[in-house]
Amino acid sequence: MRHKQHIRQEVCFFAGGSVGTKLGTGIAQASIAGLMSLCGYISSTGSAVVQPQSAINSIINIYMFGPLLIFAGVLIVGVLYQLDKKYPAIMKELAEREARGEL
């Protein structure tokens, strides 16, 4: 627990947010590029290029099921989130340390 290690919360939040944003963006882009490549997407800039039906279907499926997968992930994280249960004990410990002058 961070409150026991005397590490400032702000540092952890900003660093975690920055790393999470960069990793999430990279993983999402690589996943979508991989899926499109597997489905036969043609990445040409020519006007005569016609995408195969498998590539069009994969684009439709990504837009349909991508948000559902993200929602499921958020739901799982929300169910497994334990801070609400630990918060009273953390606050009690911090109050005791403050009373002893350890903060």
PDB file of N, CA and C in Angstrom:
ATOM      1  N   MET A   1       0.844  -1.187   0.000  1.00  0.00           N
ATOM      2  CA  MET A   1       0.000   0.000   0.000  1.00  0.00           C
ATOM      3  C   MET A   1       0.883   1.241   0.000  1.00  0.00           C
ATOM      4  N   ARG A   2       0.517   2.189  -0.810  1.00  0.00           N
ATOM      5  CA  ARG A   2       1.323   3.394  -0.977  1.00  0.00           C
ATOM      6  C   ARG A   2       1.367   4.233   0.294  1.00  0.00           C
ATOM      7  N   HIS A   3       0.309   4.224   1.079  1.00  0.00           N
ATOM      8  CA  HIS A   3       0.320   5.065   2.274  1.00  0.00           C
ATOM      9  C   HIS A   3       1.318   4.540   3.308  1.00  0.00           C
ATOM     10  N   LYS A   4       1.723   3.303   3.186  1.00  0.00           N
ATOM     11  CA  LYS A   4       2.708   2.745   4.104  1.00  0.00           C
ATOM     12  C   LYS A   4       4.138   2.981   3.621  1.00  0.00           C
ATOM     13  N   GLN A   5       4.301   3.251   2.331  1.00  0.00           N
ATOM     14  CA  GLN A   5       5.640   3.397   1.774  1.00  0.00           C
ATOM     15  C   GLN A   5       6.082   4.850   1.680  1.00  0.00           C
ATOM     16  N   HIS A   6       5.261   5.770   2.112  1.00  0.00           N
ATOM     17  CA  HIS A   6       5.574   7.200   2.117  1.00  0.00           C
ATOM     18  C   HIS A   6       5.897   7.726   0.718  1.00  0.00           C
ATOM     19  N   ILE A   7       5.193   7.226  -0.294  1.00  0.00           N
ATOM     20  CA  ILE A   7       5.342   7.722  -1.663  1.00  0.00           C
ATOM     21  C   ILE A   7       4.154   8.632  -1.940  1.00  0.00           C
ATOM     22  N   ARG A   8       4.420   9.794  -2.501  1.00  0.00           N
ATOM     23  CA  ARG A   8       3.340  10.741  -2.766  1.00  0.00           C
ATOM     24  C   ARG A   8       2.358  10.170  -3.773  1.00  0.00           C
ATOM     25  N   GLN A   9       1.075  10.325  -3.470  1.00  0.00           N
ATOM     26  CA  GLN A   9       0.024   9.796  -4.328  1.00  0.00           C
ATOM     27  C   GLN A   9       0.045  10.416  -5.714  1.00  0.00           C
ATOM     28  N   GLU A  10       0.304  11.709  -5.787  1.00  0.00           N
ATOM     29  CA  GLU A  10       0.242  12.409  -7.063  1.00  0.00           C
ATOM     30  C   GLU A  10       1.206  11.802  -8.068  1.00  0.00           C
ATOM     31  N   VAL A  11       2.374  11.428  -7.603  1.00  0.00           N
ATOM     32  CA  VAL A  11       3.370  10.838  -8.486  1.00  0.00           C
ATOM     33  C   VAL A  11       2.848   9.541  -9.075  1.00  0.00           C
ATOM     34  N   CYS A  12       2.261   8.719  -8.243  1.00  0.00           N
ATOM     35  CA  CYS A  12       1.741   7.428  -8.711  1.00  0.00           C
ATOM     36  C   CYS A  12       0.588   7.618  -9.682  1.00  0.00           C
ATOM     37  N   PHE A  13      -0.315   8.545  -9.389  1.00  0.00           N
ATOM     38  CA  PHE A  13      -1.463   8.768 -10.267  1.00  0.00           C
ATOM     39  C   PHE A  13      -1.035   9.288 -11.633  1.00  0.00           C
ATOM     40  N   PHE A  14      -0.188  10.297 -11.656  1.00  0.00           N
ATOM     41  CA  PHE A  14       0.222  10.874 -12.936  1.00  0.00           C
ATOM     42  C   PHE A  14       1.083   9.906 -13.741  1.00  0.00           C
ATOM     43  N   ALA A  15       2.006   9.215 -13.088  1.00  0.00           N
ATOM     44  CA  ALA A  15       2.847   8.252 -13.805  1.00  0.00           C
ATOM     45  C   ALA A  15       2.004   7.097 -14.334  1.00  0.00           C
ATOM     46  N   GLY A  16       1.111   6.587 -13.500  1.00  0.00           N
ATOM     47  CA  GLY A  16       0.240   5.496 -13.937  1.00  0.00           C
ATOM     48  C   GLY A  16      -0.676   5.908 -15.068  1.00  0.00           C
ATOM     49  N   GLY A  17      -1.214   7.119 -14.983  1.00  0.00           N
ATOM     50  CA  GLY A  17      -2.081   7.617 -16.050  1.00  0.00           C
ATOM     51  C   GLY A  17      -1.336   7.787 -17.353  1.00  0.00           C
ATOM     52  N   SER A  18      -0.121   8.302 -17.281  1.00  0.00           N
ATOM     53  CA  SER A  18       0.684   8.509 -18.481  1.00  0.00           C
ATOM     54  C   SER A  18       1.062   7.179 -19.124  1.00  0.00           C
ATOM     55  N   VAL A  19       1.548   6.258 -18.326  1.00  0.00           N
ATOM     56  CA  VAL A  19       1.928   4.944 -18.852  1.00  0.00           C
ATOM     57  C   VAL A  19       0.696   4.209 -19.382  1.00  0.00           C
ATOM     58  N   GLY A  20      -0.402   4.274 -18.653  1.00  0.00           N
ATOM     59  CA  GLY A  20      -1.621   3.606 -19.092  1.00  0.00           C
ATOM     60  C   GLY A  20      -2.141   4.148 -20.406  1.00  0.00           C
ATOM     61  N   THR A  21      -2.076   5.469 -20.572  1.00  0.00           N
ATOM     62  CA  THR A  21      -2.531   6.080 -21.817  1.00  0.00           C
ATOM     63  C   THR A  21      -1.667   5.627 -22.989  1.00  0.00           C
ATOM     64  N   LYS A  22      -0.357   5.640 -22.800  1.00  0.00           N
ATOM     65  CA  LYS A  22       0.543   5.257 -23.889  1.00  0.00           C
ATOM     66  C   LYS A  22       0.429   3.777 -24.218  1.00  0.00           C
ATOM     67  N   LEU A  23       0.398   2.933 -23.209  1.00  0.00           N
ATOM     68  CA  LEU A  23       0.272   1.498 -23.454  1.00  0.00           C
ATOM     69  C   LEU A  23      -1.091   1.156 -24.056  1.00  0.00           C
ATOM     70  N   GLY A  24      -2.140   1.751 -23.521  1.00  0.00           N
ATOM     71  CA  GLY A  24      -3.480   1.477 -24.029  1.00  0.00           C
ATOM     72  C   GLY A  24      -3.626   1.874 -25.483  1.00  0.00           C
ATOM     73  N   THR A  25      -3.118   3.041 -25.834  1.00  0.00           N
ATOM     74  CA  THR A  25      -3.187   3.501 -27.219  1.00  0.00           C
ATOM     75  C   THR A  25      -2.387   2.583 -28.136  1.00  0.00           C
ATOM     76  N   GLY A  26      -1.190   2.230 -27.727  1.00  0.00           N
ATOM     77  CA  GLY A  26      -0.346   1.355 -28.551  1.00  0.00           C
ATOM     78  C   GLY A  26      -0.942  -0.026 -28.730  1.00  0.00           C
ATOM     79  N   ILE A  27      -1.447  -0.606 -27.653  1.00  0.00           N
ATOM     80  CA  ILE A  27      -2.042  -1.942 -27.734  1.00  0.00           C
ATOM     81  C   ILE A  27      -3.301  -1.922 -28.587  1.00  0.00           C
ATOM     82  N   ALA A  28      -4.130  -0.895 -28.427  1.00  0.00           N
ATOM     83  CA  ALA A  28      -5.358  -0.798 -29.224  1.00  0.00           C
ATOM     84  C   ALA A  28      -5.027  -0.650 -30.707  1.00  0.00           C
ATOM     85  N   GLN A  29      -4.077   0.204 -31.039  1.00  0.00           N
ATOM     86  CA  GLN A  29      -3.712   0.393 -32.448  1.00  0.00           C
ATOM     87  C   GLN A  29      -3.110  -0.876 -33.040  1.00  0.00           C
ATOM     88  N   ALA A  30      -2.250  -1.538 -32.299  1.00  0.00           N
ATOM     89  CA  ALA A  30      -1.648  -2.772 -32.799  1.00  0.00           C
ATOM     90  C   ALA A  30      -2.692  -3.868 -32.967  1.00  0.00           C
ATOM     91  N   SER A  31      -3.631  -3.955 -32.043  1.00  0.00           N
ATOM     92  CA  SER A  31      -4.685  -4.969 -32.137  1.00  0.00           C
ATOM     93  C   SER A  31      -5.567  -4.744 -33.352  1.00  0.00           C
ATOM     94  N   ILE A  32      -5.983  -3.509 -33.549  1.00  0.00           N
ATOM     95  CA  ILE A  32      -6.846  -3.206 -34.687  1.00  0.00           C
ATOM     96  C   ILE A  32      -6.091  -3.410 -36.000  1.00  0.00           C
ATOM     97  N   ALA A  33      -4.837  -2.989 -36.065  1.00  0.00           N
ATOM     98  CA  ALA A  33      -4.041  -3.197 -37.280  1.00  0.00           C
ATOM     99  C   ALA A  33      -3.864  -4.686 -37.561  1.00  0.00           C
ATOM    100  N   GLY A  34      -3.626  -5.475 -36.528  1.00  0.00           N
ATOM    101  CA  GLY A  34      -3.488  -6.920 -36.698  1.00  0.00           C
ATOM    102  C   GLY A  34      -4.775  -7.567 -37.184  1.00  0.00           C
ATOM    103  N   LEU A  35      -5.892  -7.179 -36.580  1.00  0.00           N
ATOM    104  CA  LEU A  35      -7.181  -7.721 -37.022  1.00  0.00           C
ATOM    105  C   LEU A  35      -7.473  -7.363 -38.470  1.00  0.00           C
ATOM    106  N   MET A  36      -7.221  -6.118 -38.828  1.00  0.00           N
ATOM    107  CA  MET A  36      -7.485  -5.682 -40.196  1.00  0.00           C
ATOM    108  C   MET A  36      -6.570  -6.410 -41.183  1.00  0.00           C
ATOM    109  N   SER A  37      -5.320  -6.624 -40.787  1.00  0.00           N
ATOM    110  CA  SER A  37      -4.389  -7.335 -41.649  1.00  0.00           C
ATOM    111  C   SER A  37      -4.831  -8.780 -41.856  1.00  0.00           C
ATOM    112  N   LEU A  38      -5.275  -9.431 -40.786  1.00  0.00           N
ATOM    113  CA  LEU A  38      -5.749 -10.807 -40.894  1.00  0.00           C
ATOM    114  C   LEU A  38      -6.986 -10.919 -41.779  1.00  0.00           C
ATOM    115  N   CYS A  39      -7.786  -9.886 -41.816  1.00  0.00           N
ATOM    116  CA  CYS A  39      -9.027  -9.914 -42.598  1.00  0.00           C
ATOM    117  C   CYS A  39      -8.833  -9.455 -44.033  1.00  0.00           C
ATOM    118  N   GLY A  40      -7.620  -9.151 -44.424  1.00  0.00           N
ATOM    119  CA  GLY A  40      -7.334  -8.823 -45.810  1.00  0.00           C
ATOM    120  C   GLY A  40      -7.479  -7.362 -46.180  1.00  0.00           C
ATOM    121  N   TYR A  41      -7.399  -6.473 -45.218  1.00  0.00           N
ATOM    122  CA  TYR A  41      -7.507  -5.034 -45.499  1.00  0.00           C
ATOM    123  C   TYR A  41      -6.371  -4.598 -46.418  1.00  0.00           C
ATOM    124  N   ILE A  42      -6.693  -3.818 -47.431  1.00  0.00           N
ATOM    125  CA  ILE A  42      -5.696  -3.310 -48.372  1.00  0.00           C
ATOM    126  C   ILE A  42      -5.451  -1.844 -48.030  1.00  0.00           C
ATOM    127  N   SER A  43      -4.228  -1.537 -47.632  1.00  0.00           N
ATOM    128  CA  SER A  43      -3.914  -0.173 -47.194  1.00  0.00           C
ATOM    129  C   SER A  43      -3.260   0.630 -48.301  1.00  0.00           C
ATOM    130  N   SER A  44      -3.895   0.684 -49.427  1.00  0.00           N
ATOM    131  CA  SER A  44      -3.379   1.447 -50.554  1.00  0.00           C
ATOM    132  C   SER A  44      -4.130   2.762 -50.656  1.00  0.00           C
ATOM    133  N   THR A  45      -3.480   3.773 -51.210  1.00  0.00           N
ATOM    134  CA  THR A  45      -4.128   5.075 -51.357  1.00  0.00           C
ATOM    135  C   THR A  45      -4.763   5.260 -52.722  1.00  0.00           C
ATOM    136  N   GLY A  46      -4.682   4.245 -53.563  1.00  0.00           N
ATOM    137  CA  GLY A  46      -5.253   4.358 -54.899  1.00  0.00           C
ATOM    138  C   GLY A  46      -6.774   4.382 -54.862  1.00  0.00           C
ATOM    139  N   SER A  47      -7.362   5.091 -55.812  1.00  0.00           N
ATOM    140  CA  SER A  47      -8.824   5.216 -55.832  1.00  0.00           C
ATOM    141  C   SER A  47      -9.496   3.979 -56.400  1.00  0.00           C
ATOM    142  N   ALA A  48      -8.743   3.112 -57.081  1.00  0.00           N
ATOM    143  CA  ALA A  48      -9.335   1.919 -57.679  1.00  0.00           C
ATOM    144  C   ALA A  48      -9.325   0.724 -56.736  1.00  0.00           C
ATOM    145  N   VAL A  49      -8.817   0.914 -55.529  1.00  0.00           N
ATOM    146  CA  VAL A  49      -8.734  -0.186 -54.572  1.00  0.00           C
ATOM    147  C   VAL A  49     -10.117  -0.478 -54.010  1.00  0.00           C
ATOM    148  N   VAL A  50     -10.492  -1.747 -54.070  1.00  0.00           N
ATOM    149  CA  VAL A  50     -11.770  -2.190 -53.506  1.00  0.00           C
ATOM    150  C   VAL A  50     -11.443  -3.142 -52.361  1.00  0.00           C
ATOM    151  N   GLN A  51     -11.970  -2.826 -51.199  1.00  0.00           N
ATOM    152  CA  GLN A  51     -11.714  -3.662 -50.022  1.00  0.00           C
ATOM    153  C   GLN A  51     -12.512  -4.959 -50.137  1.00  0.00           C
ATOM    154  N   PRO A  52     -11.904  -6.090 -49.728  1.00  0.00           N
ATOM    155  CA  PRO A  52     -12.655  -7.339 -49.718  1.00  0.00           C
ATOM    156  C   PRO A  52     -13.767  -7.290 -48.663  1.00  0.00           C
ATOM    157  N   GLN A  53     -14.781  -8.105 -48.859  1.00  0.00           N
ATOM    158  CA  GLN A  53     -15.912  -8.113 -47.932  1.00  0.00           C
ATOM    159  C   GLN A  53     -15.476  -8.500 -46.520  1.00  0.00           C
ATOM    160  N   SER A  54     -14.447  -9.341 -46.393  1.00  0.00           N
ATOM    161  CA  SER A  54     -13.967  -9.723 -45.063  1.00  0.00           C
ATOM    162  C   SER A  54     -13.417  -8.512 -44.306  1.00  0.00           C
ATOM    163  N   ALA A  55     -12.760  -7.600 -45.012  1.00  0.00           N
ATOM    164  CA  ALA A  55     -12.237  -6.395 -44.369  1.00  0.00           C
ATOM    165  C   ALA A  55     -13.386  -5.478 -43.947  1.00  0.00           C
ATOM    166  N   ILE A  56     -14.381  -5.350 -44.798  1.00  0.00           N
ATOM    167  CA  ILE A  56     -15.542  -4.513 -44.460  1.00  0.00           C
ATOM    168  C   ILE A  56     -16.281  -5.098 -43.260  1.00  0.00           C
ATOM    169  N   ASN A  57     -16.449  -6.427 -43.240  1.00  0.00           N
ATOM    170  CA  ASN A  57     -17.109  -7.084 -42.099  1.00  0.00           C
ATOM    171  C   ASN A  57     -16.313  -6.892 -40.811  1.00  0.00           C
ATOM    172  N   SER A  58     -14.977  -6.945 -40.907  1.00  0.00           N
ATOM    173  CA  SER A  58     -14.173  -6.764 -39.696  1.00  0.00           C
ATOM    174  C   SER A  58     -14.301  -5.335 -39.165  1.00  0.00           C
ATOM    175  N   ILE A  59     -14.376  -4.346 -40.057  1.00  0.00           N
ATOM    176  CA  ILE A  59     -14.574  -2.962 -39.614  1.00  0.00           C
ATOM    177  C   ILE A  59     -15.912  -2.830 -38.889  1.00  0.00           C
ATOM    178  N   ILE A  60     -16.947  -3.405 -39.457  1.00  0.00           N
ATOM    179  CA  ILE A  60     -18.278  -3.363 -38.827  1.00  0.00           C
ATOM    180  C   ILE A  60     -18.241  -4.045 -37.465  1.00  0.00           C
ATOM    181  N   ASN A  61     -17.592  -5.214 -37.392  1.00  0.00           N
ATOM    182  CA  ASN A  61     -17.528  -5.951 -36.121  1.00  0.00           C
ATOM    183  C   ASN A  61     -16.725  -5.203 -35.066  1.00  0.00           C
ATOM    184  N   ILE A  62     -15.651  -4.533 -35.483  1.00  0.00           N
ATOM    185  CA  ILE A  62     -14.857  -3.760 -34.523  1.00  0.00           C
ATOM    186  C   ILE A  62     -15.707  -2.643 -33.914  1.00  0.00           C
ATOM    187  N   TYR A  63     -16.486  -1.967 -34.748  1.00  0.00           N
ATOM    188  CA  TYR A  63     -17.342  -0.890 -34.244  1.00  0.00           C
ATOM    189  C   TYR A  63     -18.505  -1.413 -33.420  1.00  0.00           C
ATOM    190  N   MET A  64     -18.968  -2.626 -33.711  1.00  0.00           N
ATOM    191  CA  MET A  64     -20.092  -3.184 -32.951  1.00  0.00           C
ATOM    192  C   MET A  64     -19.637  -3.777 -31.621  1.00  0.00           C
ATOM    193  N   PHE A  65     -18.573  -4.587 -31.665  1.00  0.00           N
ATOM    194  CA  PHE A  65     -18.194  -5.358 -30.485  1.00  0.00           C
ATOM    195  C   PHE A  65     -17.056  -4.741 -29.675  1.00  0.00           C
ATOM    196  N   GLY A  66     -16.317  -3.808 -30.243  1.00  0.00           N
ATOM    197  CA  GLY A  66     -15.236  -3.146 -29.509  1.00  0.00           C
ATOM    198  C   GLY A  66     -15.723  -2.446 -28.250  1.00  0.00           C
ATOM    199  N   PRO A  67     -16.756  -1.595 -28.360  1.00  0.00           N
ATOM    200  CA  PRO A  67     -17.263  -0.941 -27.147  1.00  0.00           C
ATOM    201  C   PRO A  67     -17.813  -1.926 -26.117  1.00  0.00           C
ATOM    202  N   LEU A  68     -18.400  -3.032 -26.579  1.00  0.00           N
ATOM    203  CA  LEU A  68     -18.899  -4.041 -25.637  1.00  0.00           C
ATOM    204  C   LEU A  68     -17.754  -4.696 -24.870  1.00  0.00           C
ATOM    205  N   LEU A  69     -16.646  -4.964 -25.562  1.00  0.00           N
ATOM    206  CA  LEU A  69     -15.484  -5.545 -24.884  1.00  0.00           C
ATOM    207  C   LEU A  69     -14.896  -4.571 -23.862  1.00  0.00           C
ATOM    208  N   ILE A  70     -14.829  -3.313 -24.226  1.00  0.00           N
ATOM    209  CA  ILE A  70     -14.316  -2.302 -23.297  1.00  0.00           C
ATOM    210  C   ILE A  70     -15.239  -2.182 -22.088  1.00  0.00           C
ATOM    211  N   PHE A  71     -16.555  -2.177 -22.326  1.00  0.00           N
ATOM    212  CA  PHE A  71     -17.509  -2.106 -21.230  1.00  0.00           C
ATOM    213  C   PHE A  71     -17.357  -3.313 -20.302  1.00  0.00           C
ATOM    214  N   ALA A  72     -17.177  -4.497 -20.878  1.00  0.00           N
ATOM    215  CA  ALA A  72     -16.997  -5.700 -20.057  1.00  0.00           C
ATOM    216  C   ALA A  72     -15.735  -5.590 -19.203  1.00  0.00           C
ATOM    217  N   GLY A  73     -14.659  -5.067 -19.780  1.00  0.00           N
ATOM    218  CA  GLY A  73     -13.424  -4.886 -19.013  1.00  0.00           C
ATOM    219  C   GLY A  73     -13.598  -3.906 -17.870  1.00  0.00           C
ATOM    220  N   VAL A  74     -14.283  -2.793 -18.145  1.00  0.00           N
ATOM    221  CA  VAL A  74     -14.538  -1.798 -17.097  1.00  0.00           C
ATOM    222  C   VAL A  74     -15.419  -2.394 -16.006  1.00  0.00           C
ATOM    223  N   LEU A  75     -16.407  -3.179 -16.403  1.00  0.00           N
ATOM    224  CA  LEU A  75     -17.298  -3.815 -15.432  1.00  0.00           C
ATOM    225  C   LEU A  75     -16.532  -4.780 -14.531  1.00  0.00           C
ATOM    226  N   ILE A  76     -15.634  -5.562 -15.109  1.00  0.00           N
ATOM    227  CA  ILE A  76     -14.837  -6.504 -14.322  1.00  0.00           C
ATOM    228  C   ILE A  76     -13.937  -5.755 -13.336  1.00  0.00           C
ATOM    229  N   VAL A  77     -13.275  -4.707 -13.803  1.00  0.00           N
ATOM    230  CA  VAL A  77     -12.418  -3.917 -12.915  1.00  0.00           C
ATOM    231  C   VAL A  77     -13.252  -3.294 -11.799  1.00  0.00           C
ATOM    232  N   GLY A  78     -14.432  -2.801 -12.129  1.00  0.00           N
ATOM    233  CA  GLY A  78     -15.306  -2.202 -11.119  1.00  0.00           C
ATOM    234  C   GLY A  78     -15.747  -3.195 -10.061  1.00  0.00           C
ATOM    235  N   VAL A  79     -16.026  -4.426 -10.475  1.00  0.00           N
ATOM    236  CA  VAL A  79     -16.447  -5.460  -9.521  1.00  0.00           C
ATOM    237  C   VAL A  79     -15.281  -5.871  -8.620  1.00  0.00           C
ATOM    238  N   LEU A  80     -14.078  -5.932  -9.187  1.00  0.00           N
ATOM    239  CA  LEU A  80     -12.911  -6.359  -8.418  1.00  0.00           C
ATOM    240  C   LEU A  80     -12.259  -5.239  -7.620  1.00  0.00           C
ATOM    241  N   TYR A  81     -12.722  -4.015  -7.757  1.00  0.00           N
ATOM    242  CA  TYR A  81     -12.149  -2.849  -7.084  1.00  0.00           C
ATOM    243  C   TYR A  81     -12.362  -2.973  -5.578  1.00  0.00           C
ATOM    244  N   GLN A  82     -11.309  -2.929  -4.802  1.00  0.00           N
ATOM    245  CA  GLN A  82     -11.390  -3.201  -3.370  1.00  0.00           C
ATOM    246  C   GLN A  82     -11.119  -1.999  -2.471  1.00  0.00           C
ATOM    247  N   LEU A  83     -10.840  -0.818  -3.035  1.00  0.00           N
ATOM    248  CA  LEU A  83     -10.462   0.318  -2.209  1.00  0.00           C
ATOM    249  C   LEU A  83     -11.584   0.741  -1.260  1.00  0.00           C
ATOM    250  N   ASP A  84     -12.825   0.641  -1.692  1.00  0.00           N
ATOM    251  CA  ASP A  84     -13.933   1.040  -0.827  1.00  0.00           C
ATOM    252  C   ASP A  84     -13.951   0.235   0.479  1.00  0.00           C
ATOM    253  N   LYS A  85     -13.559  -1.023   0.407  1.00  0.00           N
ATOM    254  CA  LYS A  85     -13.522  -1.862   1.605  1.00  0.00           C
ATOM    255  C   LYS A  85     -12.310  -1.543   2.483  1.00  0.00           C
ATOM    256  N   LYS A  86     -11.196  -1.167   1.853  1.00  0.00           N
ATOM    257  CA  LYS A  86      -9.959  -0.903   2.592  1.00  0.00           C
ATOM    258  C   LYS A  86      -9.866   0.535   3.096  1.00  0.00           C
ATOM    259  N   TYR A  87     -10.652   1.429   2.534  1.00  0.00           N
ATOM    260  CA  TYR A  87     -10.524   2.851   2.821  1.00  0.00           C
ATOM    261  C   TYR A  87     -10.657   3.195   4.311  1.00  0.00           C
ATOM    262  N   PRO A  88     -11.650   2.684   5.046  1.00  0.00           N
ATOM    263  CA  PRO A  88     -11.733   3.032   6.467  1.00  0.00           C
ATOM    264  C   PRO A  88     -10.481   2.645   7.266  1.00  0.00           C
ATOM    265  N   ALA A  89      -9.931   1.467   6.984  1.00  0.00           N
ATOM    266  CA  ALA A  89      -8.722   1.035   7.694  1.00  0.00           C
ATOM    267  C   ALA A  89      -7.533   1.926   7.326  1.00  0.00           C
ATOM    268  N   ILE A  90      -7.432   2.318   6.087  1.00  0.00           N
ATOM    269  CA  ILE A  90      -6.342   3.194   5.652  1.00  0.00           C
ATOM    270  C   ILE A  90      -6.445   4.547   6.352  1.00  0.00           C
ATOM    271  N   MET A  91      -7.642   5.104   6.386  1.00  0.00           N
ATOM    272  CA  MET A  91      -7.834   6.400   7.030  1.00  0.00           C
ATOM    273  C   MET A  91      -7.557   6.319   8.527  1.00  0.00           C
ATOM    274  N   LYS A  92      -7.946   5.226   9.154  1.00  0.00           N
ATOM    275  CA  LYS A  92      -7.677   5.048  10.583  1.00  0.00           C
ATOM    276  C   LYS A  92      -6.173   4.997  10.835  1.00  0.00           C
ATOM    277  N   GLU A  93      -5.460   4.234  10.022  1.00  0.00           N
ATOM    278  CA  GLU A  93      -4.009   4.127  10.186  1.00  0.00           C
ATOM    279  C   GLU A  93      -3.321   5.468   9.954  1.00  0.00           C
ATOM    280  N   LEU A  94      -3.774   6.205   8.938  1.00  0.00           N
ATOM    281  CA  LEU A  94      -3.185   7.519   8.674  1.00  0.00           C
ATOM    282  C   LEU A  94      -3.458   8.485   9.827  1.00  0.00           C
ATOM    283  N   ALA A  95      -4.651   8.443  10.397  1.00  0.00           N
ATOM    284  CA  ALA A  95      -4.970   9.305  11.530  1.00  0.00           C
ATOM    285  C   ALA A  95      -4.093   8.963  12.739  1.00  0.00           C
ATOM    286  N   GLU A  96      -3.872   7.665  12.973  1.00  0.00           N
ATOM    287  CA  GLU A  96      -3.020   7.241  14.090  1.00  0.00           C
ATOM    288  C   GLU A  96      -1.583   7.695  13.873  1.00  0.00           C
ATOM    289  N   ARG A  97      -1.085   7.573  12.641  1.00  0.00           N
ATOM    290  CA  ARG A  97       0.293   8.014  12.366  1.00  0.00           C
ATOM    291  C   ARG A  97       0.423   9.520  12.483  1.00  0.00           C
ATOM    292  N   GLU A  98      -0.611  10.233  12.073  1.00  0.00           N
ATOM    293  CA  GLU A  98      -0.585  11.697  12.197  1.00  0.00           C
ATOM    294  C   GLU A  98      -0.576  12.091  13.674  1.00  0.00           C
ATOM    295  N   ALA A  99      -1.342  11.373  14.497  1.00  0.00           N
ATOM    296  CA  ALA A  99      -1.384  11.680  15.934  1.00  0.00           C
ATOM    297  C   ALA A  99      -0.023  11.418  16.589  1.00  0.00           C
ATOM    298  N   ARG A 100       0.697  10.416  16.076  1.00  0.00           N
ATOM    299  CA  ARG A 100       2.021  10.118  16.617  1.00  0.00           C
ATOM    300  C   ARG A 100       3.092  11.027  16.019  1.00  0.00           C
ATOM    301  N   GLY A 101       2.739  11.795  15.003  1.00  0.00           N
ATOM    302  CA  GLY A 101       3.692  12.710  14.380  1.00  0.00           C
ATOM    303  C   GLY A 101       4.575  12.052  13.347  1.00  0.00           C
ATOM    304  N   GLU A 102       4.159  10.922  12.778  1.00  0.00           N
ATOM    305  CA  GLU A 102       4.975  10.208  11.800  1.00  0.00           C
ATOM    306  C   GLU A 102       4.785  10.734  10.380  1.00  0.00           C
ATOM    307  N   LEU A 103       3.770  11.524  10.138  1.00  0.00           N
ATOM    308  CA  LEU A 103       3.556  12.018   8.772  1.00  0.00           C
ATOM    309  C   LEU A 103       4.325  13.250   8.599  1.00  0.00           C
TER     310      LEU A 103
END
